[in-house]
C-alpha atoms as a PDB file:
ATOM      1  CA  MET A   1       0.137  -0.161  -0.134  1.00  0.00           C
ATOM      2  CA  LYS A   2       1.383   3.603  -0.998  1.00  0.00           C
ATOM      3  CA  PRO A   3       0.626   6.594   1.175  1.00  0.00           C
ATOM      4  CA  ASP A   4      -1.431   8.181  -1.661  1.00  0.00           C
ATOM      5  CA  ASP A   5      -3.543   5.193  -2.369  1.00  0.00           C
ATOM      6  CA  LYS A   6      -7.389   5.858  -1.893  1.00  0.00           C
ATOM      7  CA  VAL A   7      -9.224   3.709   0.594  1.00  0.00           C
ATOM      8  CA  LYS A   8     -12.866   3.332   1.128  1.00  0.00           C
ATOM      9  CA  PHE A   9     -13.698   4.878   4.723  1.00  0.00           C
ATOM     10  CA  GLY A  10     -15.907   2.155   6.118  1.00  0.00           C
ATOM     11  CA  ARG A  11     -19.482   2.271   5.140  1.00  0.00           C
ATOM     12  CA  VAL A  12     -19.823   5.878   4.018  1.00  0.00           C
ATOM     13  CA  ASP A  13     -19.433   7.493   0.641  1.00  0.00           C
ATOM     14  CA  LEU A  14     -15.812   8.662   1.210  1.00  0.00           C
ATOM     15  CA  GLU A  15     -12.305   7.744   0.305  1.00  0.00           C
ATOM     16  CA  VAL A  16      -9.118   8.754   2.382  1.00  0.00           C
ATOM     17  CA  THR A  17      -5.602   8.205   1.823  1.00  0.00           C
ATOM     18  CA  PRO A  18      -4.043   5.513   4.225  1.00  0.00           C
ATOM     19  CA  PHE A  19      -1.550   8.000   5.481  1.00  0.00           C
ATOM     20  CA  GLY A  20      -3.361  10.695   7.121  1.00  0.00           C
ATOM     21  CA  PHE A  21      -1.888  14.250   8.529  1.00  0.00           C
ATOM     22  CA  GLY A  22      -2.513  14.733  11.982  1.00  0.00           C
ATOM     23  CA  THR A  23      -2.269  18.326  13.272  1.00  0.00           C
ATOM     24  CA  ALA A  24      -1.718  18.217  17.461  1.00  0.00           C
ATOM     25  CA  PRO A  25       1.931  19.162  16.470  1.00  0.00           C
ATOM     26  CA  ILE A  26       1.187  22.290  14.638  1.00  0.00           C
ATOM     27  CA  GLY A  27      -1.232  23.344  17.360  1.00  0.00           C
ATOM     28  CA  ASN A  28       2.353  23.568  19.404  1.00  0.00           C
ATOM     29  CA  ILE A  29       2.073  20.690  21.789  1.00  0.00           C
ATOM     30  CA  PHE A  30       5.032  20.609  24.150  1.00  0.00           C
ATOM     31  CA  ARG A  31       7.015  23.159  21.911  1.00  0.00           C
ATOM     32  CA  GLU A  32       6.418  25.663  19.480  1.00  0.00           C
ATOM     33  CA  ILE A  33       6.472  25.208  15.542  1.00  0.00           C
ATOM     34  CA  ASP A  34       6.445  28.367  13.485  1.00  0.00           C
ATOM     35  CA  GLU A  35       3.953  29.263  10.826  1.00  0.00           C
ATOM     36  CA  GLY A  36       6.197  28.499   7.983  1.00  0.00           C
ATOM     37  CA  THR A  37       7.329  24.974   9.098  1.00  0.00           C
ATOM     38  CA  SER A  38       3.293  24.162   9.807  1.00  0.00           C
ATOM     39  CA  ASP A  39       2.477  25.308   6.433  1.00  0.00           C
ATOM     40  CA  ALA A  40       5.613  23.547   4.692  1.00  0.00           C
ATOM     41  CA  MET A  41       4.569  20.224   6.019  1.00  0.00           C
ATOM     42  CA  ILE A  42       0.899  20.443   5.114  1.00  0.00           C
ATOM     43  CA  GLN A  43       2.141  21.404   1.372  1.00  0.00           C
ATOM     44  CA  GLU A  44       4.542  18.424   1.442  1.00  0.00           C
ATOM     45  CA  ALA A  45       1.909  16.198   2.553  1.00  0.00           C
ATOM     46  CA  TRP A  46      -0.143  17.594  -0.186  1.00  0.00           C
ATOM     47  CA  ASP A  47       2.560  17.150  -2.785  1.00  0.00           C
ATOM     48  CA  THR A  48       3.137  13.420  -1.815  1.00  0.00           C
ATOM     49  CA  GLY A  49      -0.528  12.738  -2.318  1.00  0.00           C
ATOM     50  CA  VAL A  50      -1.608  12.902   1.237  1.00  0.00           C
ATOM     51  CA  ARG A  51      -5.304  14.013   0.898  1.00  0.00           C
ATOM     52  CA  TYR A  52      -6.652  13.224   4.645  1.00  0.00           C
ATOM     53  CA  PHE A  53      -6.174  15.641   7.484  1.00  0.00           C
ATOM     54  CA  ASP A  54      -7.426  15.617  10.999  1.00  0.00           C
ATOM     55  CA  THR A  55      -7.583  18.361  13.389  1.00  0.00           C
ATOM     56  CA  ALA A  56      -9.700  19.461  16.633  1.00  0.00           C
ATOM     57  CA  PRO A  57     -10.501  22.632  18.800  1.00  0.00           C
ATOM     58  CA  MET A  58      -8.182  21.272  21.481  1.00  0.00           C
ATOM     59  CA  TYR A  59      -4.988  21.260  19.405  1.00  0.00           C
ATOM     60  CA  GLY A  60      -3.211  24.502  20.466  1.00  0.00           C
ATOM     61  CA  HIS A  61      -6.721  25.865  21.920  1.00  0.00           C
ATOM     62  CA  GLY A  62      -7.723  26.695  18.166  1.00  0.00           C
ATOM     63  CA  LEU A  63      -4.413  27.031  16.829  1.00  0.00           C
ATOM     64  CA  ALA A  64      -4.237  23.896  14.672  1.00  0.00           C
ATOM     65  CA  GLU A  65      -7.559  24.346  13.089  1.00  0.00           C
ATOM     66  CA  LEU A  66      -6.567  28.057  12.103  1.00  0.00           C
ATOM     67  CA  ARG A  67      -3.452  26.667  10.436  1.00  0.00           C
ATOM     68  CA  THR A  68      -4.952  23.616   8.764  1.00  0.00           C
ATOM     69  CA  GLY A  69      -7.614  25.814   7.293  1.00  0.00           C
ATOM     70  CA  HIS A  70      -5.027  28.470   6.290  1.00  0.00           C
ATOM     71  CA  SER A  71      -2.904  25.914   4.379  1.00  0.00           C
ATOM     72  CA  LEU A  72      -5.973  24.110   2.716  1.00  0.00           C
ATOM     73  CA  ARG A  73      -7.995  27.088   1.946  1.00  0.00           C
ATOM     74  CA  TRP A  74      -7.019  27.382  -1.883  1.00  0.00           C
ATOM     75  CA  LYS A  75      -7.122  23.637  -2.373  1.00  0.00           C
ATOM     76  CA  GLU A  76     -10.118  22.201  -4.482  1.00  0.00           C
ATOM     77  CA  ARG A  77     -12.516  21.315  -1.516  1.00  0.00           C
ATOM     78  CA  ASP A  78     -13.522  18.027  -3.352  1.00  0.00           C
ATOM     79  CA  ASP A  79      -9.772  16.940  -3.475  1.00  0.00           C
ATOM     80  CA  PHE A  80      -9.410  16.446   0.298  1.00  0.00           C
ATOM     81  CA  VAL A  81     -10.939  14.719   3.307  1.00  0.00           C
ATOM     82  CA  LEU A  82     -11.185  16.830   6.732  1.00  0.00           C
ATOM     83  CA  SER A  83     -12.000  15.686  10.087  1.00  0.00           C
ATOM     84  CA  SER A  84     -12.232  17.728  13.438  1.00  0.00           C
ATOM     85  CA  LYS A  85     -13.868  17.202  16.602  1.00  0.00           C
ATOM     86  CA  VAL A  86     -16.720  18.279  19.125  1.00  0.00           C
ATOM     87  CA  GLY A  87     -16.730  18.255  22.872  1.00  0.00           C
ATOM     88  CA  ARG A  88     -15.060  21.599  23.830  1.00  0.00           C
ATOM     89  CA  ILE A  89     -16.108  25.208  23.597  1.00  0.00           C
ATOM     90  CA  LEU A  90     -13.325  27.617  23.349  1.00  0.00           C
ATOM     91  CA  LYS A  91     -14.004  31.274  24.880  1.00  0.00           C
ATOM     92  CA  PRO A  92     -11.532  34.620  24.143  1.00  0.00           C
ATOM     93  CA  ALA A  93      -9.318  35.468  27.021  1.00  0.00           C
ATOM     94  CA  ARG A  94      -6.036  37.254  27.826  1.00  0.00           C
ATOM     95  CA  LYS A  95      -2.939  35.314  27.181  1.00  0.00           C
ATOM     96  CA  ALA A  96      -2.051  35.796  30.902  1.00  0.00           C
ATOM     97  CA  ASP A  97      -5.228  34.075  32.025  1.00  0.00           C
ATOM     98  CA  ILE A  98      -4.886  30.776  29.857  1.00  0.00           C
ATOM     99  CA  ASP A  99      -3.145  27.673  31.411  1.00  0.00           C
ATOM    100  CA  TYR A 100      -1.864  26.412  28.059  1.00  0.00           C
ATOM    101  CA  ALA A 101      -0.089  23.096  29.355  1.00  0.00           C
ATOM    102  CA  PRO A 102       0.822  21.202  27.337  1.00  0.00           C
ATOM    103  CA  TRP A 103       0.338  23.471  24.584  1.00  0.00           C
ATOM    104  CA  THR A 104       2.726  26.387  24.020  1.00  0.00           C
ATOM    105  CA  ASN A 105       2.433  29.974  22.591  1.00  0.00           C
ATOM    106  CA  ALA A 106      -1.287  28.721  21.527  1.00  0.00           C
ATOM    107  CA  GLY A 107      -4.562  30.159  20.618  1.00  0.00           C
ATOM    108  CA  ARG A 108      -6.004  33.176  22.815  1.00  0.00           C
ATOM    109  CA  PHE A 109      -8.767  30.924  24.081  1.00  0.00           C
ATOM    110  CA  THR A 110      -9.799  29.016  27.210  1.00  0.00           C
ATOM    111  CA  MET A 111     -11.215  25.471  26.772  1.00  0.00           C
ATOM    112  CA  HIS A 112     -14.557  24.437  28.336  1.00  0.00           C
ATOM    113  CA  PHE A 113     -15.883  20.627  28.084  1.00  0.00           C
ATOM    114  CA  ASP A 114     -19.684  20.909  26.683  1.00  0.00           C
ATOM    115  CA  TYR A 115     -21.234  17.678  25.302  1.00  0.00           C
ATOM    116  CA  SER A 116     -24.811  19.056  25.258  1.00  0.00           C
ATOM    117  CA  TYR A 117     -26.829  19.333  22.178  1.00  0.00           C
ATOM    118  CA  ASP A 118     -26.341  23.161  21.982  1.00  0.00           C
ATOM    119  CA  GLY A 119     -22.572  23.086  22.800  1.00  0.00           C
ATOM    120  CA  THR A 120     -21.956  20.517  20.061  1.00  0.00           C
ATOM    121  CA  MET A 121     -23.713  22.870  17.498  1.00  0.00           C
ATOM    122  CA  ARG A 122     -21.663  25.747  18.780  1.00  0.00           C
ATOM    123  CA  SER A 123     -18.573  23.778  18.654  1.00  0.00           C
ATOM    124  CA  PHE A 124     -19.061  22.383  14.990  1.00  0.00           C
ATOM    125  CA  GLU A 125     -19.645  25.925  13.739  1.00  0.00           C
ATOM    126  CA  ASP A 126     -16.856  27.616  15.708  1.00  0.00           C
ATOM    127  CA  SER A 127     -14.695  25.159  13.941  1.00  0.00           C
ATOM    128  CA  LEU A 128     -15.944  25.892  10.752  1.00  0.00           C
ATOM    129  CA  GLN A 129     -15.258  29.516  11.166  1.00  0.00           C
ATOM    130  CA  ARG A 130     -11.493  28.634  12.533  1.00  0.00           C
ATOM    131  CA  LEU A 131     -10.948  26.500   9.523  1.00  0.00           C
ATOM    132  CA  ASN A 132     -12.389  29.057   6.925  1.00  0.00           C
ATOM    133  CA  LEU A 133     -13.795  26.033   5.160  1.00  0.00           C
ATOM    134  CA  GLU A 134     -17.411  25.549   4.023  1.00  0.00           C
ATOM    135  CA  ARG A 135     -17.494  21.962   5.465  1.00  0.00           C
ATOM    136  CA  MET A 136     -15.463  19.281   7.539  1.00  0.00           C
ATOM    137  CA  ASP A 137     -16.463  15.617   6.343  1.00  0.00           C
ATOM    138  CA  ILE A 138     -15.887  13.755   9.355  1.00  0.00           C
ATOM    139  CA  CYS A 139     -16.742  14.802  13.127  1.00  0.00           C
ATOM    140  CA  PHE A 140     -15.824  12.961  16.232  1.00  0.00           C
ATOM    141  CA  ILE A 141     -17.042  13.673  19.637  1.00  0.00           C
ATOM    142  CA  HIS A 142     -13.711  14.178  21.608  1.00  0.00           C
ATOM    143  CA  ASP A 143     -12.242  12.613  24.660  1.00  0.00           C
ATOM    144  CA  ILE A 144     -15.162  11.026  26.577  1.00  0.00           C
ATOM    145  CA  ASP A 145     -12.893   8.310  28.024  1.00  0.00           C
ATOM    146  CA  VAL A 146     -11.430   7.725  31.396  1.00  0.00           C
ATOM    147  CA  PHE A 147      -7.904   8.829  30.498  1.00  0.00           C
ATOM    148  CA  THR A 148      -9.341  12.339  30.141  1.00  0.00           C
ATOM    149  CA  ARG A 149     -12.175  12.575  32.372  1.00  0.00           C
ATOM    150  CA  GLY A 150     -11.261  10.050  35.135  1.00  0.00           C
ATOM    151  CA  ALA A 151     -14.050   9.472  37.676  1.00  0.00           C
ATOM    152  CA  GLU A 152     -16.497  11.661  35.712  1.00  0.00           C
ATOM    153  CA  GLN A 153     -16.057   9.593  32.795  1.00  0.00           C
ATOM    154  CA  PRO A 154     -19.708   7.401  33.069  1.00  0.00           C
ATOM    155  CA  GLU A 155     -21.442  10.862  33.320  1.00  0.00           C
ATOM    156  CA  VAL A 156     -19.529  12.552  30.557  1.00  0.00           C
ATOM    157  CA  PHE A 157     -20.143   9.592  28.091  1.00  0.00           C
ATOM    158  CA  LYS A 158     -23.864   9.576  29.047  1.00  0.00           C
ATOM    159  CA  GLN A 159     -23.878  13.432  28.267  1.00  0.00           C
ATOM    160  CA  ALA A 160     -22.239  12.697  25.053  1.00  0.00           C
ATOM    161  CA  MET A 161     -24.420   9.839  23.939  1.00  0.00           C
ATOM    162  CA  ASP A 162     -27.545  11.796  24.488  1.00  0.00           C
ATOM    163  CA  GLY A 163     -26.436  15.463  23.440  1.00  0.00           C
ATOM    164  CA  ALA A 164     -23.857  15.384  21.102  1.00  0.00           C
ATOM    165  CA  TRP A 165     -24.927  12.202  19.421  1.00  0.00           C
ATOM    166  CA  LYS A 166     -28.053  13.930  18.874  1.00  0.00           C
ATOM    167  CA  ALA A 167     -26.570  16.902  17.136  1.00  0.00           C
ATOM    168  CA  LEU A 168     -24.126  15.113  15.106  1.00  0.00           C
ATOM    169  CA  SER A 169     -26.633  12.587  13.798  1.00  0.00           C
ATOM    170  CA  GLY A 170     -28.912  15.339  12.892  1.00  0.00           C
ATOM    171  CA  LEU A 171     -26.165  16.956  11.084  1.00  0.00           C
ATOM    172  CA  ARG A 172     -25.529  13.643   9.258  1.00  0.00           C
ATOM    173  CA  ASP A 173     -29.252  13.064   8.369  1.00  0.00           C
ATOM    174  CA  GLN A 174     -29.081  16.695   6.740  1.00  0.00           C
ATOM    175  CA  GLY A 175     -25.936  15.755   4.778  1.00  0.00           C
ATOM    176  CA  VAL A 176     -23.846  18.705   6.477  1.00  0.00           C
ATOM    177  CA  VAL A 177     -21.402  15.728   7.421  1.00  0.00           C
ATOM    178  CA  LYS A 178     -20.721  12.655   5.756  1.00  0.00           C
ATOM    179  CA  ALA A 179     -19.488  10.386   8.802  1.00  0.00           C
ATOM    180  CA  ILE A 180     -19.695  10.690  12.714  1.00  0.00           C
ATOM    181  CA  GLY A 181     -17.809   9.040  15.610  1.00  0.00           C
ATOM    182  CA  VAL A 182     -15.783   8.972  18.779  1.00  0.00           C
ATOM    183  CA  GLY A 183     -12.353  10.035  19.046  1.00  0.00           C
ATOM    184  CA  VAL A 184     -10.738   8.562  22.506  1.00  0.00           C
ATOM    185  CA  ASN A 185      -7.771   6.726  24.170  1.00  0.00           C
ATOM    186  CA  GLU A 186      -9.498   3.689  24.962  1.00  0.00           C
ATOM    187  CA  TRP A 187     -11.005   1.014  22.796  1.00  0.00           C
ATOM    188  CA  GLU A 188     -13.330  -0.064  25.329  1.00  0.00           C
ATOM    189  CA  VAL A 189     -15.106   3.528  25.135  1.00  0.00           C
ATOM    190  CA  CYS A 190     -15.514   2.853  21.254  1.00  0.00           C
ATOM    191  CA  HIS A 191     -16.852  -0.283  21.598  1.00  0.00           C
ATOM    192  CA  ALA A 192     -19.410   1.045  24.117  1.00  0.00           C
ATOM    193  CA  ALA A 193     -20.320   3.772  22.047  1.00  0.00           C
ATOM    194  CA  LEU A 194     -20.824   1.673  18.943  1.00  0.00           C
ATOM    195  CA  GLN A 195     -23.065  -0.600  20.941  1.00  0.00           C
ATOM    196  CA  GLN A 196     -25.217   2.039  21.873  1.00  0.00           C
ATOM    197  CA  ARG A 197     -25.390   4.241  18.786  1.00  0.00           C
ATOM    198  CA  ASP A 198     -25.082   4.097  15.203  1.00  0.00           C
ATOM    199  CA  PHE A 199     -21.605   5.690  14.672  1.00  0.00           C
ATOM    200  CA  ASP A 200     -19.856   5.587  11.352  1.00  0.00           C
ATOM    201  CA  CYS A 201     -16.167   5.655  12.635  1.00  0.00           C
ATOM    202  CA  PHE A 202     -13.800   6.111  15.630  1.00  0.00           C
ATOM    203  CA  LEU A 203     -10.241   7.876  15.899  1.00  0.00           C
ATOM    204  CA  LEU A 204      -8.614   5.433  18.434  1.00  0.00           C
ATOM    205  CA  ALA A 205      -5.263   6.834  19.791  1.00  0.00           C
ATOM    206  CA  GLY A 206      -2.620   4.093  20.683  1.00  0.00           C
ATOM    207  CA  ARG A 207      -4.765   1.032  21.409  1.00  0.00           C
ATOM    208  CA  TYR A 208      -3.865  -0.704  18.144  1.00  0.00           C
ATOM    209  CA  THR A 209      -0.320  -1.107  17.524  1.00  0.00           C
ATOM    210  CA  LEU A 210       2.532  -3.694  17.481  1.00  0.00           C
ATOM    211  CA  LEU A 211       2.571  -3.463  21.307  1.00  0.00           C
ATOM    212  CA  GLU A 212      -1.477  -3.763  21.866  1.00  0.00           C
ATOM    213  CA  GLN A 213      -3.931  -5.721  20.194  1.00  0.00           C
ATOM    214  CA  ASP A 214      -6.572  -6.337  22.828  1.00  0.00           C
ATOM    215  CA  SER A 215      -9.000  -4.271  20.573  1.00  0.00           C
ATOM    216  CA  LEU A 216      -9.180  -7.508  18.306  1.00  0.00           C
ATOM    217  CA  ASN A 217     -11.316  -9.204  21.148  1.00  0.00           C
ATOM    218  CA  ASP A 218     -14.653  -7.324  20.704  1.00  0.00           C
ATOM    219  CA  PHE A 219     -14.402  -4.103  19.449  1.00  0.00           C
ATOM    220  CA  LEU A 220     -12.458  -4.421  15.885  1.00  0.00           C
ATOM    221  CA  PRO A 221     -14.613  -7.414  15.025  1.00  0.00           C
ATOM    222  CA  LEU A 222     -17.720  -5.393  15.729  1.00  0.00           C
ATOM    223  CA  CYS A 223     -16.522  -2.582  13.492  1.00  0.00           C
ATOM    224  CA  VAL A 224     -16.161  -4.957  10.760  1.00  0.00           C
ATOM    225  CA  GLU A 225     -19.597  -6.364  11.145  1.00  0.00           C
ATOM    226  CA  ARG A 226     -21.147  -2.767  11.195  1.00  0.00           C
ATOM    227  CA  GLY A 227     -18.835  -1.273   8.396  1.00  0.00           C
ATOM    228  CA  ALA A 228     -17.277   1.228  10.952  1.00  0.00           C
ATOM    229  CA  ALA A 229     -14.090   2.813  10.009  1.00  0.00           C
ATOM    230  CA  VAL A 230     -11.339   3.256  12.498  1.00  0.00           C
ATOM    231  CA  VAL A 231      -8.537   5.877  12.113  1.00  0.00           C
ATOM    232  CA  VAL A 232      -5.676   5.001  14.318  1.00  0.00           C
ATOM    233  CA  GLY A 233      -3.545   7.499  15.732  1.00  0.00           C
ATOM    234  CA  GLY A 234      -0.396   7.202  18.009  1.00  0.00           C
ATOM    235  CA  GLY A 235       0.625   4.021  16.278  1.00  0.00           C
ATOM    236  CA  PHE A 236       4.411   4.645  17.748  1.00  0.00           C
ATOM    237  CA  ASN A 237       2.710   4.115  21.378  1.00  0.00           C
ATOM    238  CA  SER A 238       3.778   7.847  21.863  1.00  0.00           C
ATOM    239  CA  GLY A 239       7.332   7.188  21.062  1.00  0.00           C
ATOM    240  CA  ILE A 240       8.920   3.728  21.770  1.00  0.00           C
ATOM    241  CA  LEU A 241       8.006   2.363  18.480  1.00  0.00           C
ATOM    242  CA  ALA A 242       9.750   4.907  16.678  1.00  0.00           C
ATOM    243  CA  THR A 243      12.620   5.538  18.876  1.00  0.00           C
ATOM    244  CA  GLY A 244      13.467   1.875  19.686  1.00  0.00           C
ATOM    245  CA  ALA A 245      14.074   0.372  23.229  1.00  0.00           C
ATOM    246  CA  LYS A 246      16.666   3.068  24.238  1.00  0.00           C
ATOM    247  CA  GLU A 247      16.854   4.887  27.538  1.00  0.00           C
ATOM    248  CA  GLY A 248      14.275   7.253  28.147  1.00  0.00           C
ATOM    249  CA  ALA A 249      11.856   5.954  25.290  1.00  0.00           C
ATOM    250  CA  LYS A 250       8.450   6.778  25.951  1.00  0.00           C
ATOM    251  CA  TYR A 251       5.318   4.643  26.074  1.00  0.00           C
ATOM    252  CA  ASN A 252       1.993   6.168  26.585  1.00  0.00           C
ATOM    253  CA  TYR A 253       3.233   9.434  27.295  1.00  0.00           C
ATOM    254  CA  ALA A 254       5.476   8.221  30.331  1.00  0.00           C
ATOM    255  CA  PRO A 255       8.770   6.285  30.669  1.00  0.00           C
ATOM    256  CA  ALA A 256       8.486   2.925  29.190  1.00  0.00           C
ATOM    257  CA  PRO A 257       8.392   0.275  31.827  1.00  0.00           C
ATOM    258  CA  ALA A 258      10.682  -2.729  31.930  1.00  0.00           C
ATOM    259  CA  GLU A 259       8.200  -5.344  30.494  1.00  0.00           C
ATOM    260  CA  ILE A 260       7.769  -2.841  27.273  1.00  0.00           C
ATOM    261  CA  ILE A 261      11.292  -2.221  26.790  1.00  0.00           C
ATOM    262  CA  ASP A 262      11.969  -6.113  26.598  1.00  0.00           C
ATOM    263  CA  ARG A 263       9.193  -6.567  24.389  1.00  0.00           C
ATOM    264  CA  VAL A 264      10.392  -3.885  21.872  1.00  0.00           C
ATOM    265  CA  ARG A 265      14.154  -5.267  22.048  1.00  0.00           C
ATOM    266  CA  LYS A 266      12.705  -8.563  20.947  1.00  0.00           C
ATOM    267  CA  ILE A 267      10.944  -7.235  18.155  1.00  0.00           C
ATOM    268  CA  GLU A 268      13.697  -4.972  17.130  1.00  0.00           C
ATOM    269  CA  ALA A 269      15.622  -8.251  16.888  1.00  0.00           C
ATOM    270  CA  VAL A 270      13.393  -9.736  14.310  1.00  0.00           C
ATOM    271  CA  CYS A 271      13.583  -6.209  12.657  1.00  0.00           C
ATOM    272  CA  ALA A 272      17.096  -6.512  12.303  1.00  0.00           C
ATOM    273  CA  GLU A 273      17.007  -9.979  10.810  1.00  0.00           C
ATOM    274  CA  TYR A 274      14.870  -8.745   8.087  1.00  0.00           C
ATOM    275  CA  ASP A 275      16.302  -5.255   7.822  1.00  0.00           C
ATOM    276  CA  VAL A 276      13.020  -3.692   8.492  1.00  0.00           C
ATOM    277  CA  PRO A 277      12.933  -0.572  10.360  1.00  0.00           C
ATOM    278  CA  LEU A 278      10.994  -0.811  13.515  1.00  0.00           C
ATOM    279  CA  PRO A 279       8.680   2.313  12.895  1.00  0.00           C
ATOM    280  CA  ALA A 280       8.211   1.089   9.171  1.00  0.00           C
ATOM    281  CA  ALA A 281       6.572  -2.239  10.795  1.00  0.00           C
ATOM    282  CA  ALA A 282       4.485  -0.037  13.478  1.00  0.00           C
ATOM    283  CA  LEU A 283       2.848   2.184  10.459  1.00  0.00           C
ATOM    284  CA  GLN A 284       2.278  -0.598   7.974  1.00  0.00           C
ATOM    285  CA  PHE A 285       0.809  -3.043  10.735  1.00  0.00           C
ATOM    286  CA  VAL A 286      -1.991  -0.807  11.828  1.00  0.00           C
ATOM    287  CA  VAL A 287      -3.506  -0.385   8.289  1.00  0.00           C
ATOM    288  CA  ALA A 288      -3.513  -3.992   7.542  1.00  0.00           C
ATOM    289  CA  HIS A 289      -6.783  -4.388   9.595  1.00  0.00           C
ATOM    290  CA  PRO A 290      -9.708  -4.545   7.397  1.00  0.00           C
ATOM    291  CA  ALA A 291     -11.420  -1.901   9.711  1.00  0.00           C
ATOM    292  CA  VAL A 292      -8.737   0.560   9.366  1.00  0.00           C
ATOM    293  CA  PRO A 293      -8.567   2.391   6.297  1.00  0.00           C
ATOM    294  CA  THR A 294      -5.974   5.021   7.573  1.00  0.00           C
ATOM    295  CA  PHE A 295      -3.795   6.143  10.279  1.00  0.00           C
ATOM    296  CA  MET A 296      -2.578   9.648  11.789  1.00  0.00           C
ATOM    297  CA  ALA A 297       0.878  10.678  12.060  1.00  0.00           C
ATOM    298  CA  GLY A 298       1.701  13.872  13.727  1.00  0.00           C
ATOM    299  CA  THR A 299       5.391  15.478  12.743  1.00  0.00           C
ATOM    300  CA  ARG A 300       7.389  18.407  13.684  1.00  0.00           C
ATOM    301  CA  THR A 301       9.336  19.071  10.677  1.00  0.00           C
ATOM    302  CA  VAL A 302       9.382  18.458   6.993  1.00  0.00           C
ATOM    303  CA  GLU A 303      12.177  15.761   7.549  1.00  0.00           C
ATOM    304  CA  GLN A 304      10.226  13.861   9.900  1.00  0.00           C
ATOM    305  CA  LEU A 305       7.088  13.875   7.479  1.00  0.00           C
ATOM    306  CA  GLN A 306       9.274  12.373   4.584  1.00  0.00           C
ATOM    307  CA  GLN A 307      10.611   9.922   6.878  1.00  0.00           C
ATOM    308  CA  ASN A 308       7.237   8.719   7.915  1.00  0.00           C
ATOM    309  CA  LEU A 309       6.438   8.462   4.268  1.00  0.00           C
ATOM    310  CA  ARG A 310       9.535   6.520   3.498  1.00  0.00           C
ATOM    311  CA  TRP A 311       8.908   4.045   6.443  1.00  0.00           C
ATOM    312  CA  PHE A 312       5.167   3.640   5.276  1.00  0.00           C
ATOM    313  CA  SER A 313       6.465   2.282   1.648  1.00  0.00           C
ATOM    314  CA  HIS A 314       9.475   0.254   2.971  1.00  0.00           C
ATOM    315  CA  PRO A 315       9.145  -3.229   1.816  1.00  0.00           C
ATOM    316  CA  ILE A 316       8.522  -5.754   4.346  1.00  0.00           C
ATOM    317  CA  PRO A 317       8.348  -9.584   3.680  1.00  0.00           C
ATOM    318  CA  ASP A 318       5.656 -11.658   4.486  1.00  0.00           C
ATOM    319  CA  GLN A 319       8.020 -13.914   6.593  1.00  0.00           C
ATOM    320  CA  PHE A 320       8.820 -11.083   8.943  1.00  0.00           C
ATOM    321  CA  TRP A 321       5.030 -10.993  10.056  1.00  0.00           C
ATOM    322  CA  ALA A 322       5.081 -14.674  10.261  1.00  0.00           C
ATOM    323  CA  ASP A 323       8.225 -14.654  12.692  1.00  0.00           C
ATOM    324  CA  LEU A 324       6.645 -12.092  15.046  1.00  0.00           C
ATOM    325  CA  LYS A 325       3.635 -14.477  15.428  1.00  0.00           C
ATOM    326  CA  ALA A 326       5.848 -17.434  15.767  1.00  0.00           C
ATOM    327  CA  LYS A 327       7.858 -15.872  18.566  1.00  0.00           C
ATOM    328  CA  GLY A 328       4.809 -14.746  20.387  1.00  0.00           C
ATOM    329  CA  LEU A 329       5.420 -11.001  19.604  1.00  0.00           C
ATOM    330  CA  LEU A 330       2.017 -10.482  17.642  1.00  0.00           C
ATOM    331  CA  ARG A 331      -1.242 -12.055  17.953  1.00  0.00           C
ATOM    332  CA  ASP A 332      -2.002 -14.934  15.732  1.00  0.00           C
ATOM    333  CA  ASP A 333      -5.424 -13.318  14.626  1.00  0.00           C
ATOM    334  CA  ALA A 334      -3.771  -9.851  13.986  1.00  0.00           C
ATOM    335  CA  PRO A 335      -4.138  -9.326  10.145  1.00  0.00           C
ATOM    336  CA  THR A 336      -0.989  -8.318   8.614  1.00  0.00           C
ATOM    337  CA  PRO A 337      -0.052  -6.474   5.411  1.00  0.00           C
END
């Protein structure tokens, strides 16, 4: 599969490229990216054939949406697919009054969770204003998981399944958006949402990777049955599948525990035997599942983007995947390229 191939997006009338451009980094997460670099990455992605872009109000307190829209505004709108998210309302504020962590020098807005019907409609309209585009194609309900909301999650989930669902399903019925879904860090939340409501898609961060395949138990089979598409983000588990098992490697935004370090070292040994870069295996693995048409990769430089594109196209022999399974490093039922 090549980065610029076109793949059907689940059951809906959309085609996406298997390599998507994720915009969290251009929201200045952890450290600043200048305007020129932000635009250059999006233009490089476009020039290499990438046609799916994902953003969110959360990313940089609106900055990522502003930058994404700026870079795409003169493109033919029917030539690309765009997704954003609802669940947060942005309100103008003085820069000195905003807690930006983990963002840096971001938009001059405070963020407020709101999964009500009215809040969802306002969030949707505000995103279109920031994007300066006439539509988004896909809209996700953002961060209704335990990772983000903690003990409040059950009530937040219920609010979203009522208010936000009603708003987005109405927009879908009107043809304003083509696909609606949920974007979270836990497959269990996606599974519960699909059991309760007729969602088209999910954005799942970090829970289907070379290191984690528990979503094969229940969630991904249900997606195949229902024709729901899954966009995988965080395919490197926030670092270690890109950097390898080196000192200080990150796993799920924290230092990797010993058992994860050991498992990655064993995967790296198989990679060395077949001359396969670990990140190439990580990227190509996720899109081999029939429910996963595309993944999101966020980058900080044009060079990082170009490297990801090379990894995505790196040839990997079938025996590599067979050996991972034979050594117990990959589930036997995991689809492979």
